[in-house]
Amino acid sequence: MMTPEKVIRNFNRCVDWEERYLYLIELGERLDEYPAEKQDDDHLVAGCQSQVWVCSKLDEHGKIALKATSDSSIVKGVLSLVLVAYNNQSAEDVLSFDIHNWFEQLDIKSHLTPGRTQGLEAIVKSVRSLAFTYQQGVPTL
């Protein structure tokens, strides 16, 4: 299972940012298949240059199960980072995880275009909003 710590280790093993981009693309290729019926406006994340969809459900253990996809390979890799941090976590854990500190450790934002960075923030905001909704007792989004 991929963890934030393992991603940091793997990033640090990369020789340069070209290798890190390739690693991101590889992570994006490993994303679980996204349900075609949820590739709609209700699940589209606003504020991204590329098209990004995120769906979720609360499992029987109170953990948020996330799926995400994009029409861009690099954005799929960025999505995989967000899922490493947030997938299968409780709403409380999602809301308390300092993802911006983790992104700083990865130095990811300084290597994305401003538009991609804005999209990353929109994705994080979207997932945190889902977590807040689940915390309020809504079972599926």
Protein backbone atom coordinates (compact mmCIF):
# COMPACT_ATOMS: atom_id res chain seq x y z
CA MET A 1 0.00 0.00 0.00
CA MET A 2 1.32 3.41 -0.97
CA THR A 3 1.72 5.89 1.90
CA PRO A 4 2.76 9.55 2.00
CA GLU A 5 6.09 8.48 3.53
CA LYS A 6 6.72 5.95 0.76
CA VAL A 7 5.98 8.56 -1.91
CA ILE A 8 8.54 10.89 -0.29
CA ARG A 9 11.12 8.07 -0.27
CA ASN A 10 10.42 7.25 -3.90
CA PHE A 11 10.58 10.92 -4.92
CA ASN A 12 13.91 11.27 -3.13
CA ARG A 13 15.28 8.27 -5.06
CA CYS A 14 14.60 10.01 -8.36
CA VAL A 15 17.67 11.63 -9.88
CA ASP A 16 15.90 14.73 -11.19
CA TRP A 17 12.49 16.20 -11.89
CA GLU A 18 12.21 14.50 -15.26
CA GLU A 19 12.39 11.17 -13.42
CA ARG A 20 9.86 12.43 -10.86
CA TYR A 21 7.44 13.39 -13.63
CA LEU A 22 7.78 9.88 -15.07
CA TYR A 23 7.10 8.47 -11.60
CA LEU A 24 4.00 10.69 -11.31
CA ILE A 25 2.74 9.46 -14.67
CA GLU A 26 3.36 5.87 -13.53
CA LEU A 27 1.36 6.52 -10.35
CA GLY A 28 -1.45 7.95 -12.45
CA GLU A 29 -1.52 4.82 -14.58
CA ARG A 30 -2.11 2.79 -11.41
CA LEU A 31 -5.31 4.63 -10.47
CA ASP A 32 -8.32 2.37 -10.07
CA GLU A 33 -10.72 2.48 -12.99
CA TYR A 34 -13.10 5.39 -12.67
CA PRO A 35 -16.82 4.63 -13.16
CA ALA A 36 -17.92 5.97 -16.56
CA GLU A 37 -21.36 6.92 -15.21
CA LYS A 38 -19.70 9.32 -12.74
CA GLN A 39 -17.73 11.11 -15.44
CA ASP A 40 -20.34 13.86 -15.40
CA ASP A 41 -20.78 17.48 -14.38
CA ASP A 42 -21.75 16.50 -10.82
CA HIS A 43 -18.31 14.97 -10.25
CA LEU A 44 -16.26 17.40 -12.35
CA VAL A 45 -13.80 19.46 -10.30
CA ALA A 46 -14.08 23.15 -11.17
CA GLY A 47 -10.88 25.18 -11.39
CA CYS A 48 -8.68 22.68 -13.23
CA GLN A 49 -7.10 23.22 -16.65
CA SER A 50 -7.71 19.58 -17.49
CA GLN A 51 -10.91 17.73 -16.91
CA VAL A 52 -10.85 16.08 -13.48
CA TRP A 53 -13.54 13.93 -11.91
CA VAL A 54 -13.71 12.76 -8.30
CA CYS A 55 -16.31 10.48 -6.74
CA SER A 56 -16.53 8.97 -3.30
CA LYS A 57 -18.49 6.83 -0.90
CA LEU A 58 -18.32 6.12 2.79
CA ASP A 59 -17.48 2.47 3.48
CA GLU A 60 -18.82 0.32 6.32
CA HIS A 61 -15.84 1.32 8.51
CA GLY A 62 -16.46 5.05 8.15
CA LYS A 63 -13.59 5.50 5.69
CA ILE A 64 -13.91 7.59 2.53
CA ALA A 65 -13.33 5.56 -0.62
CA LEU A 66 -12.23 7.90 -3.40
CA LYS A 67 -11.85 7.40 -7.13
CA ALA A 68 -10.54 10.00 -9.52
CA THR A 69 -9.49 10.44 -13.12
CA SER A 70 -8.40 13.08 -15.60
CA ASP A 71 -7.86 13.47 -19.31
CA SER A 72 -4.21 14.39 -18.60
CA SER A 73 -1.47 11.89 -17.69
CA ILE A 74 0.41 14.28 -15.40
CA VAL A 75 -2.82 15.33 -13.66
CA LYS A 76 -3.66 11.65 -13.10
CA GLY A 77 -0.30 11.44 -11.33
CA VAL A 78 -1.14 14.47 -9.21
CA LEU A 79 -4.53 12.89 -8.45
CA SER A 80 -2.74 9.75 -7.31
CA LEU A 81 -0.82 11.87 -4.78
CA VAL A 82 -4.08 13.27 -3.42
CA LEU A 83 -5.50 9.75 -3.18
CA VAL A 84 -2.40 8.46 -1.38
CA ALA A 85 -3.01 11.14 1.24
CA TYR A 86 -6.79 10.92 1.52
CA ASN A 87 -8.19 7.62 0.19
CA ASN A 88 -9.56 5.17 2.75
CA GLN A 89 -9.20 7.69 5.56
CA SER A 90 -11.88 8.92 7.93
CA ALA A 91 -13.34 12.37 7.34
CA GLU A 92 -11.53 13.55 10.47
CA ASP A 93 -8.19 12.22 9.17
CA VAL A 94 -8.70 13.88 5.79
CA LEU A 95 -9.51 17.21 7.41
CA SER A 96 -6.57 17.03 9.83
CA PHE A 97 -3.88 15.84 7.39
CA ASP A 98 -1.52 18.71 6.49
CA ILE A 99 -1.38 18.01 2.78
CA HIS A 100 0.30 21.35 2.02
CA ASN A 101 3.23 20.42 4.25
CA TRP A 102 3.45 17.08 2.45
CA PHE A 103 3.41 18.85 -0.93
CA GLU A 104 6.25 21.06 0.35
CA GLN A 105 8.24 17.96 1.29
CA LEU A 106 7.70 16.67 -2.25
CA ASP A 107 8.47 20.15 -3.67
CA ILE A 108 5.64 19.47 -6.10
CA LYS A 109 4.10 22.93 -6.41
CA SER A 110 7.30 24.60 -7.60
CA HIS A 111 7.47 22.08 -10.45
CA LEU A 112 3.92 22.48 -11.70
CA THR A 113 2.68 25.29 -13.91
CA PRO A 114 0.57 27.93 -12.13
CA GLY A 115 -2.54 26.48 -13.79
CA ARG A 116 -1.72 22.97 -12.58
CA THR A 117 -1.01 24.30 -9.07
CA GLN A 118 -4.40 26.03 -9.07
CA GLY A 119 -5.98 22.77 -10.21
CA LEU A 120 -4.23 20.85 -7.44
CA GLU A 121 -5.67 23.29 -4.91
CA ALA A 122 -9.13 22.83 -6.46
CA ILE A 123 -8.82 19.04 -6.15
CA VAL A 124 -7.73 19.26 -2.51
CA LYS A 125 -10.56 21.68 -1.76
CA SER A 126 -13.05 19.34 -3.45
CA VAL A 127 -11.93 16.28 -1.47
CA ARG A 128 -11.85 18.20 1.80
CA SER A 129 -15.38 19.44 1.05
CA LEU A 130 -16.49 15.83 0.54
CA ALA A 131 -14.89 14.89 3.87
CA PHE A 132 -16.67 17.74 5.62
CA THR A 133 -19.98 16.60 4.10
CA TYR A 134 -19.37 13.03 5.31
CA GLN A 135 -18.48 14.37 8.74
CA GLN A 136 -21.95 15.96 8.76
CA GLY A 137 -23.55 12.57 8.10
CA VAL A 138 -24.17 12.40 4.34
CA PRO A 139 -23.42 8.78 3.23
CA THR A 140 -22.61 8.94 -0.53
CA LEU A 141 -21.53 11.60 -3.02
